[in-house]
């Protein structure tokens, strides 16, 4: 099982953020979610072992975002927000 980090906040569904620790847009996404007070989980894919990162990208990120770009947010296992889309991210808080 890949370790994910949980950020407490209001429960607005199952929000999973796939990010890179070195990505400015990923950092902005985390800041926006936290500012909105939304609970979410995240994985910094670049901080996983090579085998774990490959597994996460192949089995999870690619399913929602074939380009495997970051940030990728999966909402309730039903849809994804790809890249930093402030308008769509803000809709999560409503």
N, C-alpha and C. Protein backbone atom coordinates (compact mmCIF):
# COMPACT_ATOMS: atom_id res chain seq x y z
N UNK A 1 0.85 -1.19 0.00
CA UNK A 1 0.00 0.00 0.00
C UNK A 1 0.89 1.25 0.00
N UNK A 2 0.61 2.14 -0.90
CA UNK A 2 1.35 3.39 -1.01
C UNK A 2 0.86 4.34 0.09
N UNK A 3 1.78 4.94 0.82
CA UNK A 3 1.42 5.90 1.86
C UNK A 3 0.95 7.20 1.24
N UNK A 4 -0.20 7.65 1.70
CA UNK A 4 -0.68 8.97 1.27
C UNK A 4 -0.78 9.83 2.51
N UNK A 5 -0.72 11.13 2.31
CA UNK A 5 -0.80 12.08 3.41
C UNK A 5 -2.20 12.67 3.42
N UNK A 6 -2.79 12.73 4.61
CA UNK A 6 -4.14 13.29 4.75
C UNK A 6 -4.06 14.71 5.30
N UNK A 7 -4.87 15.60 4.72
CA UNK A 7 -4.99 16.96 5.20
C UNK A 7 -6.43 17.13 5.69
N UNK A 8 -6.58 17.46 6.96
CA UNK A 8 -7.91 17.61 7.55
C UNK A 8 -8.64 18.83 7.01
N UNK A 9 -9.95 18.75 6.99
CA UNK A 9 -10.81 19.84 6.56
C UNK A 9 -12.23 19.33 6.44
N UNK A 10 -13.05 20.13 5.76
CA UNK A 10 -14.44 19.73 5.53
C UNK A 10 -14.48 18.58 4.53
N UNK A 11 -15.31 17.61 4.81
CA UNK A 11 -15.44 16.47 3.91
C UNK A 11 -16.29 16.86 2.71
N UNK A 12 -15.65 16.96 1.57
CA UNK A 12 -16.35 17.29 0.32
C UNK A 12 -16.25 16.11 -0.64
N UNK A 13 -16.14 14.93 -0.07
CA UNK A 13 -16.00 13.72 -0.89
C UNK A 13 -14.57 13.22 -0.82
N UNK A 14 -14.29 12.20 -1.60
CA UNK A 14 -12.97 11.58 -1.63
C UNK A 14 -12.10 12.33 -2.65
N UNK A 15 -11.20 13.16 -2.15
CA UNK A 15 -10.35 13.97 -3.02
C UNK A 15 -8.91 13.49 -2.89
N UNK A 16 -8.38 13.00 -4.00
CA UNK A 16 -7.02 12.46 -4.03
C UNK A 16 -6.18 13.28 -5.00
N UNK A 17 -5.10 13.87 -4.49
CA UNK A 17 -4.21 14.69 -5.30
C UNK A 17 -2.92 13.95 -5.56
N UNK A 18 -2.59 13.78 -6.82
CA UNK A 18 -1.30 13.24 -7.23
C UNK A 18 -0.43 14.42 -7.62
N UNK A 19 0.72 14.54 -6.96
CA UNK A 19 1.55 15.73 -7.11
C UNK A 19 3.02 15.36 -7.16
N UNK A 20 3.83 16.38 -7.44
CA UNK A 20 5.28 16.28 -7.34
C UNK A 20 5.74 17.30 -6.31
N UNK A 21 6.68 16.93 -5.46
CA UNK A 21 7.13 17.84 -4.41
C UNK A 21 7.82 19.08 -4.96
N UNK A 22 8.32 18.99 -6.19
CA UNK A 22 9.07 20.10 -6.80
C UNK A 22 8.21 20.96 -7.73
N UNK A 23 6.93 20.64 -7.84
CA UNK A 23 6.03 21.29 -8.81
C UNK A 23 5.34 22.50 -8.17
N UNK A 24 5.57 23.67 -8.74
CA UNK A 24 4.93 24.89 -8.24
C UNK A 24 3.42 24.86 -8.34
N UNK A 25 2.89 24.30 -9.43
CA UNK A 25 1.43 24.22 -9.61
C UNK A 25 0.83 23.25 -8.60
N UNK A 26 1.56 22.19 -8.28
CA UNK A 26 1.10 21.24 -7.27
C UNK A 26 1.03 21.93 -5.91
N UNK A 27 2.04 22.73 -5.60
CA UNK A 27 2.08 23.47 -4.34
C UNK A 27 0.90 24.45 -4.28
N UNK A 28 0.63 25.14 -5.39
CA UNK A 28 -0.51 26.08 -5.44
C UNK A 28 -1.83 25.34 -5.22
N UNK A 29 -1.94 24.13 -5.79
CA UNK A 29 -3.16 23.33 -5.62
C UNK A 29 -3.36 22.97 -4.16
N UNK A 30 -2.30 22.51 -3.49
CA UNK A 30 -2.39 22.17 -2.06
C UNK A 30 -2.77 23.41 -1.25
N UNK A 31 -2.15 24.54 -1.55
CA UNK A 31 -2.45 25.78 -0.82
C UNK A 31 -3.91 26.19 -1.00
N UNK A 32 -4.42 26.07 -2.22
CA UNK A 32 -5.81 26.45 -2.49
C UNK A 32 -6.78 25.52 -1.76
N UNK A 33 -6.54 24.21 -1.82
CA UNK A 33 -7.41 23.26 -1.12
C UNK A 33 -7.39 23.54 0.38
N UNK A 34 -6.21 23.78 0.93
CA UNK A 34 -6.10 24.05 2.37
C UNK A 34 -6.79 25.36 2.74
N UNK A 35 -6.61 26.39 1.92
CA UNK A 35 -7.24 27.70 2.16
C UNK A 35 -8.77 27.56 2.14
N UNK A 36 -9.27 26.68 1.26
CA UNK A 36 -10.71 26.44 1.17
C UNK A 36 -11.21 25.58 2.33
N UNK A 37 -10.28 24.96 3.07
CA UNK A 37 -10.67 24.14 4.21
C UNK A 37 -11.22 22.79 3.82
N UNK A 38 -10.81 22.28 2.65
CA UNK A 38 -11.31 21.00 2.14
C UNK A 38 -10.37 19.88 2.57
N UNK A 39 -10.92 18.79 3.05
CA UNK A 39 -10.12 17.61 3.39
C UNK A 39 -9.69 16.91 2.10
N UNK A 40 -8.44 16.48 2.06
CA UNK A 40 -7.95 15.75 0.89
C UNK A 40 -6.74 14.90 1.27
N UNK A 41 -6.45 13.96 0.41
CA UNK A 41 -5.25 13.14 0.54
C UNK A 41 -4.34 13.46 -0.63
N UNK A 42 -3.04 13.29 -0.43
CA UNK A 42 -2.13 13.48 -1.55
C UNK A 42 -0.94 12.53 -1.48
N UNK A 43 -0.38 12.31 -2.64
CA UNK A 43 0.86 11.55 -2.78
C UNK A 43 1.80 12.39 -3.62
N UNK A 44 3.01 12.64 -3.09
CA UNK A 44 4.07 13.24 -3.89
C UNK A 44 4.77 12.09 -4.62
N UNK A 45 4.40 11.90 -5.86
CA UNK A 45 4.84 10.73 -6.63
C UNK A 45 6.37 10.68 -6.74
N UNK A 46 7.02 11.84 -6.83
CA UNK A 46 8.47 11.86 -6.98
C UNK A 46 9.21 11.45 -5.70
N UNK A 47 8.50 11.33 -4.60
CA UNK A 47 9.14 10.91 -3.35
C UNK A 47 8.95 9.43 -3.07
N UNK A 48 8.31 8.73 -4.00
CA UNK A 48 8.15 7.28 -3.89
C UNK A 48 9.38 6.59 -4.47
N UNK A 49 9.53 5.32 -4.14
CA UNK A 49 10.59 4.55 -4.80
C UNK A 49 10.25 4.46 -6.29
N UNK A 50 11.22 4.14 -7.11
CA UNK A 50 10.97 4.03 -8.55
C UNK A 50 9.84 3.06 -8.85
N UNK A 51 9.85 1.91 -8.17
CA UNK A 51 8.81 0.90 -8.41
C UNK A 51 7.44 1.40 -7.99
N UNK A 52 7.37 2.07 -6.83
CA UNK A 52 6.08 2.60 -6.37
C UNK A 52 5.58 3.71 -7.29
N UNK A 53 6.48 4.60 -7.72
CA UNK A 53 6.09 5.70 -8.61
C UNK A 53 5.55 5.15 -9.92
N UNK A 54 6.21 4.16 -10.47
CA UNK A 54 5.76 3.55 -11.72
C UNK A 54 4.38 2.93 -11.54
N UNK A 55 4.18 2.25 -10.41
CA UNK A 55 2.89 1.61 -10.13
C UNK A 55 1.78 2.66 -10.01
N UNK A 56 2.02 3.73 -9.26
CA UNK A 56 1.02 4.79 -9.08
C UNK A 56 0.70 5.44 -10.42
N UNK A 57 1.73 5.76 -11.20
CA UNK A 57 1.49 6.41 -12.49
C UNK A 57 0.74 5.49 -13.45
N UNK A 58 1.14 4.23 -13.52
CA UNK A 58 0.51 3.30 -14.46
C UNK A 58 -0.91 2.90 -14.05
N UNK A 59 -1.12 2.68 -12.75
CA UNK A 59 -2.40 2.14 -12.29
C UNK A 59 -3.40 3.20 -11.83
N UNK A 60 -2.92 4.39 -11.49
CA UNK A 60 -3.84 5.39 -10.96
C UNK A 60 -3.87 6.67 -11.80
N UNK A 61 -2.74 7.34 -11.93
CA UNK A 61 -2.72 8.64 -12.62
C UNK A 61 -3.11 8.49 -14.08
N UNK A 62 -2.53 7.54 -14.77
CA UNK A 62 -2.76 7.37 -16.21
C UNK A 62 -4.23 7.09 -16.53
N UNK A 63 -4.93 6.44 -15.60
CA UNK A 63 -6.35 6.13 -15.79
C UNK A 63 -7.17 7.42 -15.94
N UNK A 64 -6.79 8.45 -15.18
CA UNK A 64 -7.53 9.71 -15.18
C UNK A 64 -6.90 10.76 -16.07
N UNK A 65 -5.60 10.64 -16.29
CA UNK A 65 -4.86 11.64 -17.03
C UNK A 65 -3.79 10.94 -17.87
N UNK A 66 -4.16 10.52 -19.08
CA UNK A 66 -3.24 9.75 -19.92
C UNK A 66 -1.90 10.44 -20.16
N UNK A 67 -1.86 11.76 -20.05
CA UNK A 67 -0.60 12.48 -20.25
C UNK A 67 0.31 12.38 -19.03
N UNK A 68 -0.22 11.90 -17.90
CA UNK A 68 0.50 11.78 -16.63
C UNK A 68 1.22 13.10 -16.29
N UNK A 69 0.41 14.16 -16.22
CA UNK A 69 0.94 15.45 -15.83
C UNK A 69 0.44 15.76 -14.42
N UNK A 70 1.08 16.72 -13.80
CA UNK A 70 0.76 17.05 -12.41
C UNK A 70 0.46 18.52 -12.28
N UNK A 71 -0.43 18.87 -11.37
CA UNK A 71 -1.19 18.02 -10.46
C UNK A 71 -2.37 17.34 -11.17
N UNK A 72 -2.73 16.18 -10.65
CA UNK A 72 -3.94 15.48 -11.07
C UNK A 72 -4.76 15.21 -9.80
N UNK A 73 -6.00 15.69 -9.81
CA UNK A 73 -6.91 15.49 -8.67
C UNK A 73 -8.01 14.53 -9.12
N UNK A 74 -8.20 13.46 -8.37
CA UNK A 74 -9.29 12.53 -8.65
C UNK A 74 -10.37 12.77 -7.59
N UNK A 75 -11.59 13.01 -8.06
CA UNK A 75 -12.71 13.36 -7.19
C UNK A 75 -13.70 12.20 -7.14
N UNK A 76 -13.86 11.63 -5.95
CA UNK A 76 -14.82 10.54 -5.72
C UNK A 76 -14.63 9.36 -6.68
N UNK A 77 -13.43 9.19 -7.20
CA UNK A 77 -13.18 8.08 -8.12
C UNK A 77 -14.03 8.14 -9.37
N UNK A 78 -14.53 9.35 -9.71
CA UNK A 78 -15.45 9.48 -10.83
C UNK A 78 -14.99 10.47 -11.90
N UNK A 79 -14.19 11.45 -11.50
CA UNK A 79 -13.73 12.45 -12.47
C UNK A 79 -12.40 13.00 -12.00
N UNK A 80 -11.73 13.69 -12.92
CA UNK A 80 -10.42 14.25 -12.59
C UNK A 80 -10.35 15.71 -12.96
N UNK A 81 -9.54 16.43 -12.19
CA UNK A 81 -9.16 17.80 -12.54
C UNK A 81 -7.67 17.71 -12.86
N UNK A 82 -7.34 18.03 -14.09
CA UNK A 82 -5.97 17.89 -14.56
C UNK A 82 -5.31 19.27 -14.62
N UNK A 83 -4.11 19.35 -14.08
CA UNK A 83 -3.33 20.58 -14.01
C UNK A 83 -3.99 21.55 -13.03
N UNK A 84 -3.47 22.75 -12.91
CA UNK A 84 -4.00 23.72 -11.96
C UNK A 84 -5.14 24.47 -12.63
N UNK A 85 -6.37 24.10 -12.28
CA UNK A 85 -7.57 24.75 -12.81
C UNK A 85 -8.31 25.34 -11.62
N UNK A 86 -7.99 26.60 -11.31
CA UNK A 86 -8.49 27.23 -10.10
C UNK A 86 -10.01 27.20 -10.02
N UNK A 87 -10.70 27.45 -11.12
CA UNK A 87 -12.16 27.48 -11.13
C UNK A 87 -12.73 26.11 -10.74
N UNK A 88 -12.21 25.04 -11.35
CA UNK A 88 -12.72 23.70 -11.04
C UNK A 88 -12.35 23.27 -9.62
N UNK A 89 -11.16 23.66 -9.18
CA UNK A 89 -10.75 23.31 -7.81
C UNK A 89 -11.65 24.01 -6.80
N UNK A 90 -11.98 25.29 -7.05
CA UNK A 90 -12.84 26.04 -6.14
C UNK A 90 -14.23 25.43 -6.05
N UNK A 91 -14.68 24.79 -7.14
CA UNK A 91 -16.00 24.14 -7.14
C UNK A 91 -16.04 22.99 -6.13
N UNK A 92 -14.88 22.41 -5.80
CA UNK A 92 -14.84 21.32 -4.83
C UNK A 92 -15.27 21.79 -3.44
N UNK A 93 -15.06 23.06 -3.15
CA UNK A 93 -15.37 23.59 -1.84
C UNK A 93 -16.83 23.98 -1.65
N UNK A 94 -17.60 23.91 -2.71
CA UNK A 94 -19.00 24.35 -2.64
C UNK A 94 -19.92 23.24 -2.18
